[in-house]
Amino acid sequence: MLTPWLDLDGAADRVARWSERTGLDLHRLGTTADADEITDTAVTQPLIVALSLLAFDAGDQRGALPADAPVAGHSVGELAAAAIAGVLSADDAVALTAVRGAEMAKACGLADTSMAAVMMGDPDEVVAWLADNGLDAANQNGAGQIVASGAADAIARIVAEPMPGTKVRELQVAGAFHTAYMAPARDALASYADSITMRHPTRPLLSNYDGAVVDSGSDYLERLVNQITSPVRWDLTMDTLAKLGTTSTVELPPAGTLTGLVRRQLKGTVTTAVALKSPDDLAKLGPSDDEDTAS
């Protein structure tokens, strides 16, 4: 996942520095490691944030990402968003993500848990149905998608017997993210976060907790910590993007899922949605400052 991005100016040096901060060989993990190794959430999470930040810098260097544009992240993507908004440094964001991933991996080993995507159905009715089955609506993603999270046997039950009018598909994840099962990870992250220097956002920064624009660095850090056991409200986040007058979006890699949600949920509002899946997609952002532009 990192290979095509490492040729960009300074990318390899940044990955080397982040590897030292995290105690993970992110270069190897992002280039030659096998699928089983990188699907470990302790590895996946810092790789995702590192990749997102490399791509953001590449787009920013092209002068194609306005400095006052809102930024939002989904779940672990909120740590990349925090760095982009200047709340914490990129180095601290990747380091904090590594702690988050490692502690969540430990928490996953404490109980047999899982997650499943529930498609279609009335959102309020789906949330109530999940509660009746002892499950949390861990991700309310909008566009007809809610992710259930909780005990593995309860997940198996809703997969076998979906709510009428819905489709349910179990996800290949390590455990029940964004539920009380992750409380040990939240506590560990809170302790580590005390050592992080925070600043106020330099651009509108949205929170998954309630979709609000957060103007305090300390408030956003608290939300990042509590997010581990709280639902991801991407539906509310997209609502706020619409209220802010957003007409174009750029999704940082690994990209595609959020762009699809935005296109469905904000159809008619967002007219351009670019998913940066490789450096070649940077051209979709427009010419860089050092390229000739046609008048």
C-alpha atoms as a PDB file:
ATOM      1  CA  MET A   1       0.000   0.000   0.000  1.00  0.00           C
ATOM      2  CA  LEU A   2       2.953   2.360   0.522  1.00  0.00           C
ATOM      3  CA  THR A   3       5.066   1.355  -2.482  1.00  0.00           C
ATOM      4  CA  PRO A   4       3.759   3.830  -5.099  1.00  0.00           C
ATOM      5  CA  TRP A   5       3.910   6.731  -2.649  1.00  0.00           C
ATOM      6  CA  LEU A   6       7.509   6.253  -1.491  1.00  0.00           C
ATOM      7  CA  ASP A   7       8.917   7.845  -4.651  1.00  0.00           C
ATOM      8  CA  LEU A   8       7.419  11.199  -3.675  1.00  0.00           C
ATOM      9  CA  ASP A   9       9.805  13.807  -2.284  1.00  0.00           C
ATOM     10  CA  GLY A  10      10.601  13.159   1.368  1.00  0.00           C
ATOM     11  CA  ALA A  11       8.186  10.231   1.718  1.00  0.00           C
ATOM     12  CA  ALA A  12      10.787   7.555   2.456  1.00  0.00           C
ATOM     13  CA  ASP A  13      12.447   9.736   5.094  1.00  0.00           C
ATOM     14  CA  ARG A  14       9.134  10.384   6.813  1.00  0.00           C
ATOM     15  CA  VAL A  15       8.262   6.686   6.863  1.00  0.00           C
ATOM     16  CA  ALA A  16      11.676   5.922   8.360  1.00  0.00           C
ATOM     17  CA  ARG A  17      11.083   8.502  11.092  1.00  0.00           C
ATOM     18  CA  TRP A  18       7.595   7.151  11.801  1.00  0.00           C
ATOM     19  CA  SER A  19       8.986   3.625  11.977  1.00  0.00           C
ATOM     20  CA  GLU A  20      11.374   4.754  14.675  1.00  0.00           C
ATOM     21  CA  ARG A  21       8.578   6.467  16.619  1.00  0.00           C
ATOM     22  CA  THR A  22       6.243   3.485  16.458  1.00  0.00           C
ATOM     23  CA  GLY A  23       8.699   0.607  16.791  1.00  0.00           C
ATOM     24  CA  LEU A  24       7.238  -0.840  13.585  1.00  0.00           C
ATOM     25  CA  ASP A  25       9.057  -1.268  10.280  1.00  0.00           C
ATOM     26  CA  LEU A  26       6.394   0.614   8.357  1.00  0.00           C
ATOM     27  CA  HIS A  27       8.467   0.557   5.160  1.00  0.00           C
ATOM     28  CA  ARG A  28       8.544  -3.245   5.087  1.00  0.00           C
ATOM     29  CA  LEU A  29       4.982  -3.605   6.353  1.00  0.00           C
ATOM     30  CA  GLY A  30       3.685  -1.221   3.708  1.00  0.00           C
ATOM     31  CA  THR A  31       5.617  -2.735   0.803  1.00  0.00           C
ATOM     32  CA  THR A  32       6.491  -6.427   1.135  1.00  0.00           C
ATOM     33  CA  ALA A  33       4.568  -7.817   4.134  1.00  0.00           C
ATOM     34  CA  ASP A  34       1.851 -10.373   3.401  1.00  0.00           C
ATOM     35  CA  ALA A  35      -1.867  -9.793   3.900  1.00  0.00           C
ATOM     36  CA  ASP A  36      -2.072 -11.695   7.174  1.00  0.00           C
ATOM     37  CA  GLU A  37       0.547  -9.465   8.737  1.00  0.00           C
ATOM     38  CA  ILE A  38      -0.912  -6.122   7.729  1.00  0.00           C
ATOM     39  CA  THR A  39      -4.501  -7.047   8.620  1.00  0.00           C
ATOM     40  CA  ASP A  40      -3.430  -7.075  12.269  1.00  0.00           C
ATOM     41  CA  THR A  41      -5.130  -3.908  13.541  1.00  0.00           C
ATOM     42  CA  ALA A  42      -1.940  -2.992  15.428  1.00  0.00           C
ATOM     43  CA  VAL A  43      -0.276  -2.676  12.014  1.00  0.00           C
ATOM     44  CA  THR A  44      -3.198  -1.595   9.836  1.00  0.00           C
ATOM     45  CA  GLN A  45      -3.999   1.529  11.816  1.00  0.00           C
ATOM     46  CA  PRO A  46      -0.586   3.276  11.732  1.00  0.00           C
ATOM     47  CA  LEU A  47      -0.141   2.259   8.082  1.00  0.00           C
ATOM     48  CA  ILE A  48      -3.451   3.890   7.149  1.00  0.00           C
ATOM     49  CA  VAL A  49      -2.638   7.149   8.932  1.00  0.00           C
ATOM     50  CA  ALA A  50       0.903   7.229   7.518  1.00  0.00           C
ATOM     51  CA  LEU A  51      -0.413   6.665   3.996  1.00  0.00           C
ATOM     52  CA  SER A  52      -3.098   9.332   4.378  1.00  0.00           C
ATOM     53  CA  LEU A  53      -0.578  11.906   5.540  1.00  0.00           C
ATOM     54  CA  LEU A  54       1.849  11.144   2.707  1.00  0.00           C
ATOM     55  CA  ALA A  55      -0.951  11.621   0.187  1.00  0.00           C
ATOM     56  CA  PHE A  56      -2.165  14.815   1.825  1.00  0.00           C
ATOM     57  CA  ASP A  57       1.307  16.340   1.630  1.00  0.00           C
ATOM     58  CA  ALA A  58       1.550  15.387  -2.040  1.00  0.00           C
ATOM     59  CA  GLY A  59      -1.785  17.031  -2.794  1.00  0.00           C
ATOM     60  CA  ASP A  60      -0.963  20.059  -0.666  1.00  0.00           C
ATOM     61  CA  GLN A  61       2.314  20.564  -2.532  1.00  0.00           C
ATOM     62  CA  ARG A  62       0.315  20.809  -5.741  1.00  0.00           C
ATOM     63  CA  GLY A  63      -1.572  23.735  -4.231  1.00  0.00           C
ATOM     64  CA  ALA A  64      -4.787  21.838  -4.879  1.00  0.00           C
ATOM     65  CA  LEU A  65      -6.069  21.504  -1.291  1.00  0.00           C
ATOM     66  CA  PRO A  66      -7.354  24.833   0.099  1.00  0.00           C
ATOM     67  CA  ALA A  67      -5.921  25.720   3.492  1.00  0.00           C
ATOM     68  CA  ASP A  68      -9.351  26.655   4.839  1.00  0.00           C
ATOM     69  CA  ALA A  69     -11.204  23.570   3.579  1.00  0.00           C
ATOM     70  CA  PRO A  70     -12.938  21.418   6.233  1.00  0.00           C
ATOM     71  CA  VAL A  71     -11.325  18.098   7.115  1.00  0.00           C
ATOM     72  CA  ALA A  72     -12.970  14.983   8.496  1.00  0.00           C
ATOM     73  CA  GLY A  73     -11.802  11.448   9.184  1.00  0.00           C
ATOM     74  CA  HIS A  74     -13.695   8.192   9.664  1.00  0.00           C
ATOM     75  CA  SER A  75     -12.677   6.314  12.845  1.00  0.00           C
ATOM     76  CA  VAL A  76      -8.866   5.964  12.738  1.00  0.00           C
ATOM     77  CA  GLY A  77      -8.900   8.542   9.946  1.00  0.00           C
ATOM     78  CA  GLU A  78      -9.678  11.161  12.583  1.00  0.00           C
ATOM     79  CA  LEU A  79      -6.043  10.991  13.689  1.00  0.00           C
ATOM     80  CA  ALA A  80      -4.880  11.890  10.190  1.00  0.00           C
ATOM     81  CA  ALA A  81      -7.511  14.646  10.105  1.00  0.00           C
ATOM     82  CA  ALA A  82      -6.173  16.012  13.401  1.00  0.00           C
ATOM     83  CA  ALA A  83      -2.670  16.283  11.927  1.00  0.00           C
ATOM     84  CA  ILE A  84      -3.961  17.901   8.729  1.00  0.00           C
ATOM     85  CA  ALA A  85      -5.820  20.480  10.819  1.00  0.00           C
ATOM     86  CA  GLY A  86      -2.676  21.202  12.851  1.00  0.00           C
ATOM     87  CA  VAL A  87      -4.019  19.847  16.150  1.00  0.00           C
ATOM     88  CA  LEU A  88      -0.992  17.597  16.503  1.00  0.00           C
ATOM     89  CA  SER A  89       2.123  16.913  14.460  1.00  0.00           C
ATOM     90  CA  ALA A  90       2.179  14.220  11.801  1.00  0.00           C
ATOM     91  CA  ASP A  91       4.822  12.360  13.826  1.00  0.00           C
ATOM     92  CA  ASP A  92       2.623  12.412  16.933  1.00  0.00           C
ATOM     93  CA  ALA A  93      -0.425  11.357  14.913  1.00  0.00           C
ATOM     94  CA  VAL A  94       1.286   8.222  13.604  1.00  0.00           C
ATOM     95  CA  ALA A  95       2.759   7.418  17.029  1.00  0.00           C
ATOM     96  CA  LEU A  96      -0.609   7.881  18.738  1.00  0.00           C
ATOM     97  CA  THR A  97      -2.235   5.683  16.113  1.00  0.00           C
ATOM     98  CA  ALA A  98       0.278   2.913  16.765  1.00  0.00           C
ATOM     99  CA  VAL A  99      -0.625   2.967  20.460  1.00  0.00           C
ATOM    100  CA  ARG A 100      -4.316   2.967  19.546  1.00  0.00           C
ATOM    101  CA  GLY A 101      -3.910  -0.004  17.229  1.00  0.00           C
ATOM    102  CA  ALA A 102      -1.786  -2.041  19.636  1.00  0.00           C
ATOM    103  CA  GLU A 103      -4.125  -1.465  22.561  1.00  0.00           C
ATOM    104  CA  MET A 104      -7.228  -2.218  20.510  1.00  0.00           C
ATOM    105  CA  ALA A 105      -5.601  -5.451  19.332  1.00  0.00           C
ATOM    106  CA  LYS A 106      -5.048  -6.423  22.969  1.00  0.00           C
ATOM    107  CA  ALA A 107      -8.647  -5.600  23.842  1.00  0.00           C
ATOM    108  CA  CYS A 108      -9.880  -7.738  20.953  1.00  0.00           C
ATOM    109  CA  GLY A 109      -8.183 -10.726  22.551  1.00  0.00           C
ATOM    110  CA  LEU A 110     -10.201 -10.424  25.753  1.00  0.00           C
ATOM    111  CA  ALA A 111     -13.538 -11.587  24.290  1.00  0.00           C
ATOM    112  CA  ASP A 112     -14.974 -13.279  21.208  1.00  0.00           C
ATOM    113  CA  THR A 113     -16.433 -10.341  19.294  1.00  0.00           C
ATOM    114  CA  SER A 114     -17.096  -9.265  15.730  1.00  0.00           C
ATOM    115  CA  MET A 115     -18.823  -6.723  13.476  1.00  0.00           C
ATOM    116  CA  ALA A 116     -21.288  -6.842  10.570  1.00  0.00           C
ATOM    117  CA  ALA A 117     -22.535  -4.374   7.984  1.00  0.00           C
ATOM    118  CA  VAL A 118     -26.296  -3.900   7.868  1.00  0.00           C
ATOM    119  CA  MET A 119     -27.477  -2.483   4.545  1.00  0.00           C
ATOM    120  CA  MET A 120     -30.832  -0.820   3.885  1.00  0.00           C
ATOM    121  CA  GLY A 121     -33.680  -0.471   6.346  1.00  0.00           C
ATOM    122  CA  ASP A 122     -34.833   2.547   8.364  1.00  0.00           C
ATOM    123  CA  PRO A 123     -31.818   3.725  10.437  1.00  0.00           C
ATOM    124  CA  ASP A 124     -33.757   4.182  13.685  1.00  0.00           C
ATOM    125  CA  GLU A 125     -35.410   0.802  13.320  1.00  0.00           C
ATOM    126  CA  VAL A 126     -32.076  -0.875  12.573  1.00  0.00           C
ATOM    127  CA  VAL A 127     -30.453   0.691  15.649  1.00  0.00           C
ATOM    128  CA  ALA A 128     -33.347  -0.476  17.839  1.00  0.00           C
ATOM    129  CA  TRP A 129     -33.204  -3.979  16.327  1.00  0.00           C
ATOM    130  CA  LEU A 130     -29.484  -4.211  17.016  1.00  0.00           C
ATOM    131  CA  ALA A 131     -30.049  -3.154  20.634  1.00  0.00           C
ATOM    132  CA  ASP A 132     -32.683  -5.870  20.983  1.00  0.00           C
ATOM    133  CA  ASN A 133     -30.006  -8.327  19.857  1.00  0.00           C
ATOM    134  CA  GLY A 134     -27.479  -7.025  22.389  1.00  0.00           C
ATOM    135  CA  LEU A 135     -25.437  -5.200  19.743  1.00  0.00           C
ATOM    136  CA  ASP A 136     -24.238  -1.627  19.240  1.00  0.00           C
ATOM    137  CA  ALA A 137     -24.580   0.473  16.099  1.00  0.00           C
ATOM    138  CA  ALA A 138     -20.840   1.117  16.052  1.00  0.00           C
ATOM    139  CA  ASN A 139     -20.763   2.958  12.716  1.00  0.00           C
ATOM    140  CA  GLN A 140     -23.753   4.911  11.457  1.00  0.00           C
ATOM    141  CA  ASN A 141     -22.364   5.614   8.023  1.00  0.00           C
ATOM    142  CA  GLY A 142     -25.392   7.067   6.263  1.00  0.00           C
ATOM    143  CA  ALA A 143     -26.339   6.101   2.714  1.00  0.00           C
ATOM    144  CA  GLY A 144     -28.196   3.052   4.043  1.00  0.00           C
ATOM    145  CA  GLN A 145     -25.312   1.475   5.971  1.00  0.00           C
ATOM    146  CA  ILE A 146     -24.941   0.770   9.684  1.00  0.00           C
ATOM    147  CA  VAL A 147     -22.237  -1.426  11.198  1.00  0.00           C
ATOM    148  CA  ALA A 148     -23.189  -3.657  14.106  1.00  0.00           C
ATOM    149  CA  SER A 149     -20.620  -4.490  16.760  1.00  0.00           C
ATOM    150  CA  GLY A 150     -20.605  -6.851  19.730  1.00  0.00           C
ATOM    151  CA  ALA A 151     -20.438 -10.464  20.816  1.00  0.00           C
ATOM    152  CA  ALA A 152     -19.588 -12.907  18.034  1.00  0.00           C
ATOM    153  CA  ASP A 153     -22.600 -15.138  18.693  1.00  0.00           C
ATOM    154  CA  ALA A 154     -24.956 -12.151  18.433  1.00  0.00           C
ATOM    155  CA  ILE A 155     -23.317 -11.100  15.159  1.00  0.00           C
ATOM    156  CA  ALA A 156     -23.731 -14.644  13.829  1.00  0.00           C
ATOM    157  CA  ARG A 157     -27.409 -14.516  14.801  1.00  0.00           C
ATOM    158  CA  ILE A 158     -28.200 -11.352  12.842  1.00  0.00           C
ATOM    159  CA  VAL A 159     -26.240 -12.629   9.844  1.00  0.00           C
ATOM    160  CA  ALA A 160     -28.345 -15.803   9.876  1.00  0.00           C
ATOM    161  CA  GLU A 161     -31.621 -13.969  10.543  1.00  0.00           C
ATOM    162  CA  PRO A 162     -31.475 -10.423   9.129  1.00  0.00           C
ATOM    163  CA  MET A 163     -34.095  -7.843   9.963  1.00  0.00           C
ATOM    164  CA  PRO A 164     -36.743  -7.874   7.198  1.00  0.00           C
ATOM    165  CA  GLY A 165     -35.806  -5.460   4.440  1.00  0.00           C
ATOM    166  CA  THR A 166     -32.075  -5.519   5.253  1.00  0.00           C
ATOM    167  CA  LYS A 167     -28.986  -7.393   4.175  1.00  0.00           C
ATOM    168  CA  VAL A 168     -26.313  -8.302   6.724  1.00  0.00           C
ATOM    169  CA  ARG A 169     -22.708  -9.211   5.990  1.00  0.00           C
ATOM    170  CA  GLU A 170     -20.134 -10.112   8.628  1.00  0.00           C
ATOM    171  CA  LEU A 171     -16.904  -8.115   8.408  1.00  0.00           C
ATOM    172  CA  GLN A 172     -13.377  -9.470   8.637  1.00  0.00           C
ATOM    173  CA  VAL A 173     -12.250  -7.492  11.675  1.00  0.00           C
ATOM    174  CA  ALA A 174     -10.345  -8.237  14.860  1.00  0.00           C
ATOM    175  CA  GLY A 175     -13.209  -7.474  17.223  1.00  0.00           C
ATOM    176  CA  ALA A 176     -15.993  -5.176  18.390  1.00  0.00           C
ATOM    177  CA  PHE A 177     -14.574  -1.728  17.708  1.00  0.00           C
ATOM    178  CA  HIS A 178     -16.365   1.375  19.034  1.00  0.00           C
ATOM    179  CA  THR A 179     -18.053  -0.474  21.888  1.00  0.00           C
ATOM    180  CA  ALA A 180     -17.470  -0.966  25.618  1.00  0.00           C
ATOM    181  CA  TYR A 181     -15.330  -3.989  24.721  1.00  0.00           C
ATOM    182  CA  MET A 182     -12.613  -1.467  23.808  1.00  0.00           C
ATOM    183  CA  ALA A 183     -12.584   0.218  27.251  1.00  0.00           C
ATOM    184  CA  PRO A 184      -9.084  -1.076  28.169  1.00  0.00           C
ATOM    185  CA  ALA A 185      -7.724   0.435  24.932  1.00  0.00           C
ATOM    186  CA  ARG A 186      -9.437   3.754  25.616  1.00  0.00           C
ATOM    187  CA  ASP A 187      -7.861   3.952  29.073  1.00  0.00           C
ATOM    188  CA  ALA A 188      -4.403   3.135  27.724  1.00  0.00           C
ATOM    189  CA  LEU A 189      -4.716   5.713  24.947  1.00  0.00           C
ATOM    190  CA  ALA A 190      -5.864   8.365  27.415  1.00  0.00           C
ATOM    191  CA  SER A 191      -2.715   7.804  29.456  1.00  0.00           C
ATOM    192  CA  TYR A 192      -0.448   8.091  26.396  1.00  0.00           C
ATOM    193  CA  ALA A 193      -2.319  11.104  25.043  1.00  0.00           C
ATOM    194  CA  ASP A 194      -1.323  13.126  28.111  1.00  0.00           C
ATOM    195  CA  SER A 195       2.178  13.375  26.632  1.00  0.00           C
ATOM    196  CA  ILE A 196       0.971  14.840  23.312  1.00  0.00           C
ATOM    197  CA  THR A 197       1.244  18.569  22.627  1.00  0.00           C
ATOM    198  CA  MET A 198      -2.060  19.824  21.244  1.00  0.00           C
ATOM    199  CA  ARG A 199      -2.894  22.987  19.331  1.00  0.00           C
ATOM    200  CA  HIS A 200      -6.153  24.501  18.163  1.00  0.00           C
ATOM    201  CA  PRO A 201      -7.285  23.529  14.642  1.00  0.00           C
ATOM    202  CA  THR A 202      -6.185  25.798  11.804  1.00  0.00           C
ATOM    203  CA  ARG A 203      -9.130  24.775   9.616  1.00  0.00           C
ATOM    204  CA  PRO A 204     -12.663  23.462  10.280  1.00  0.00           C
ATOM    205  CA  LEU A 205     -12.218  20.040  11.899  1.00  0.00           C
ATOM    206  CA  LEU A 206     -15.220  17.738  12.147  1.00  0.00           C
ATOM    207  CA  SER A 207     -15.781  15.120  14.835  1.00  0.00           C
ATOM    208  CA  ASN A 208     -17.306  11.668  14.338  1.00  0.00           C
ATOM    209  CA  TYR A 209     -18.894  11.907  17.787  1.00  0.00           C
ATOM    210  CA  ASP A 210     -21.670  14.264  16.707  1.00  0.00           C
ATOM    211  CA  GLY A 211     -20.562  15.770  13.391  1.00  0.00           C
ATOM    212  CA  ALA A 212     -19.693  19.058  15.101  1.00  0.00           C
ATOM    213  CA  VAL A 213     -16.911  21.412  14.063  1.00  0.00           C
ATOM    214  CA  VAL A 214     -14.422  21.391  16.962  1.00  0.00           C
ATOM    215  CA  ASP A 215     -12.352  24.514  17.639  1.00  0.00           C
ATOM    216  CA  SER A 216     -10.384  23.289  20.655  1.00  0.00           C
ATOM    217  CA  GLY A 217      -7.368  20.999  20.411  1.00  0.00           C
ATOM    218  CA  SER A 218      -7.875  19.562  23.897  1.00  0.00           C
ATOM    219  CA  ASP A 219     -11.558  18.905  23.154  1.00  0.00           C
ATOM    220  CA  TYR A 220     -10.652  17.101  19.946  1.00  0.00           C
ATOM    221  CA  LEU A 221      -8.046  14.966  21.731  1.00  0.00           C
ATOM    222  CA  GLU A 222     -10.621  13.969  24.340  1.00  0.00           C
ATOM    223  CA  ARG A 223     -12.994  13.029  21.541  1.00  0.00           C
ATOM    224  CA  LEU A 224     -10.247  10.969  19.836  1.00  0.00           C
ATOM    225  CA  VAL A 225      -9.734   8.989  23.029  1.00  0.00           C
ATOM    226  CA  ASN A 226     -13.432   8.461  23.772  1.00  0.00           C
ATOM    227  CA  GLN A 227     -14.086   7.589  20.129  1.00  0.00           C
ATOM    228  CA  ILE A 228     -12.623   4.132  20.777  1.00  0.00           C
ATOM    229  CA  THR A 229     -15.733   3.174  22.749  1.00  0.00           C
ATOM    230  CA  SER A 230     -18.207   5.523  21.024  1.00  0.00           C
ATOM    231  CA  PRO A 231     -20.142   5.097  17.768  1.00  0.00           C
ATOM    232  CA  VAL A 232     -18.796   6.646  14.582  1.00  0.00           C
ATOM    233  CA  ARG A 233     -21.456   9.062  13.323  1.00  0.00           C
ATOM    234  CA  TRP A 234     -20.295   9.504   9.760  1.00  0.00           C
ATOM    235  CA  ASP A 235     -23.893  10.290   8.825  1.00  0.00           C
ATOM    236  CA  LEU A 236     -23.805  13.402  11.020  1.00  0.00           C
ATOM    237  CA  THR A 237     -20.334  14.250   9.745  1.00  0.00           C
ATOM    238  CA  MET A 238     -21.618  14.275   6.167  1.00  0.00           C
ATOM    239  CA  ASP A 239     -24.595  16.388   7.239  1.00  0.00           C
ATOM    240  CA  THR A 240     -22.182  18.995   8.580  1.00  0.00           C
ATOM    241  CA  LEU A 241     -20.132  18.938   5.375  1.00  0.00           C
ATOM    242  CA  ALA A 242     -23.334  19.766   3.517  1.00  0.00           C
ATOM    243  CA  LYS A 243     -24.192  22.580   5.938  1.00  0.00           C
ATOM    244  CA  LEU A 244     -20.704  24.026   5.422  1.00  0.00           C
ATOM    245  CA  GLY A 245     -21.434  24.284   1.698  1.00  0.00           C
ATOM    246  CA  THR A 246     -19.093  21.504   0.610  1.00  0.00           C
ATOM    247  CA  THR A 247     -19.382  20.815  -3.112  1.00  0.00           C
ATOM    248  CA  SER A 248     -16.135  18.893  -3.696  1.00  0.00           C
ATOM    249  CA  THR A 249     -14.373  16.225  -1.642  1.00  0.00           C
ATOM    250  CA  VAL A 250     -10.998  14.498  -1.753  1.00  0.00           C
ATOM    251  CA  GLU A 251     -10.618  11.156   0.012  1.00  0.00           C
ATOM    252  CA  LEU A 252      -7.103  10.252   1.086  1.00  0.00           C
ATOM    253  CA  PRO A 253      -5.864   6.687   0.596  1.00  0.00           C
ATOM    254  CA  PRO A 254      -6.731   3.949   1.094  1.00  0.00           C
ATOM    255  CA  ALA A 255      -9.673   5.534  -0.700  1.00  0.00           C
ATOM    256  CA  GLY A 256     -12.999   4.584  -2.187  1.00  0.00           C
ATOM    257  CA  THR A 257     -15.429   3.716   0.613  1.00  0.00           C
ATOM    258  CA  LEU A 258     -16.043   7.233   1.938  1.00  0.00           C
ATOM    259  CA  THR A 259     -16.275   8.644  -1.578  1.00  0.00           C
ATOM    260  CA  GLY A 260     -19.034   6.147  -2.309  1.00  0.00           C
ATOM    261  CA  LEU A 261     -20.918   7.150   0.850  1.00  0.00           C
ATOM    262  CA  VAL A 262     -20.586  10.866   0.031  1.00  0.00           C
ATOM    263  CA  ARG A 263     -21.797  10.362  -3.535  1.00  0.00           C
ATOM    264  CA  ARG A 264     -24.898   8.527  -2.319  1.00  0.00           C
ATOM    265  CA  GLN A 265     -25.716  10.570   0.781  1.00  0.00           C
ATOM    266  CA  LEU A 266     -24.845  14.018  -0.617  1.00  0.00           C
ATOM    267  CA  LYS A 267     -26.013  13.487  -4.171  1.00  0.00           C
ATOM    268  CA  GLY A 268     -26.805  16.870  -5.670  1.00  0.00           C
ATOM    269  CA  THR A 269     -24.713  18.648  -3.040  1.00  0.00           C
ATOM    270  CA  VAL A 270     -21.246  17.262  -3.701  1.00  0.00           C
ATOM    271  CA  THR A 271     -20.636  17.472  -7.434  1.00  0.00           C
ATOM    272  CA  THR A 272     -16.998  16.330  -7.474  1.00  0.00           C
ATOM    273  CA  ALA A 273     -15.631  13.505  -5.313  1.00  0.00           C
ATOM    274  CA  VAL A 274     -12.061  12.363  -5.891  1.00  0.00           C
ATOM    275  CA  ALA A 275     -10.668   9.176  -4.343  1.00  0.00           C
ATOM    276  CA  LEU A 276      -6.858   9.207  -4.227  1.00  0.00           C
ATOM    277  CA  LYS A 277      -5.979   5.545  -4.689  1.00  0.00           C
ATOM    278  CA  SER A 278      -2.523   6.084  -6.186  1.00  0.00           C
ATOM    279  CA  PRO A 279      -0.169   8.995  -6.965  1.00  0.00           C
ATOM    280  CA  ASP A 280      -1.566   8.980 -10.511  1.00  0.00           C
ATOM    281  CA  ASP A 281      -4.858  10.231  -9.078  1.00  0.00           C
ATOM    282  CA  LEU A 282      -3.174  13.441  -7.890  1.00  0.00           C
ATOM    283  CA  ALA A 283      -3.624  14.748 -11.434  1.00  0.00           C
ATOM    284  CA  LYS A 284      -7.379  14.759 -10.798  1.00  0.00           C
ATOM    285  CA  LEU A 285      -6.817  17.559  -8.291  1.00  0.00           C
ATOM    286  CA  GLY A 286      -5.602  19.890 -11.022  1.00  0.00           C
ATOM    287  CA  PRO A 287      -2.137  21.048 -12.126  1.00  0.00           C
ATOM    288  CA  SER A 288       0.649  21.503  -9.607  1.00  0.00           C
ATOM    289  CA  ASP A 289       2.105  24.938  -9.046  1.00  0.00           C
ATOM    290  CA  ASP A 290       5.129  24.143 -11.224  1.00  0.00           C
ATOM    291  CA  GLU A 291       3.086  22.863 -14.175  1.00  0.00           C
ATOM    292  CA  ASP A 292       1.897  25.017 -17.044  1.00  0.00           C
ATOM    293  CA  THR A 293      -1.789  25.899 -16.819  1.00  0.00           C
ATOM    294  CA  ALA A 294      -4.016  26.579 -19.778  1.00  0.00           C
ATOM    295  CA  SER A 295      -5.860  29.916 -19.745  1.00  0.00           C
END
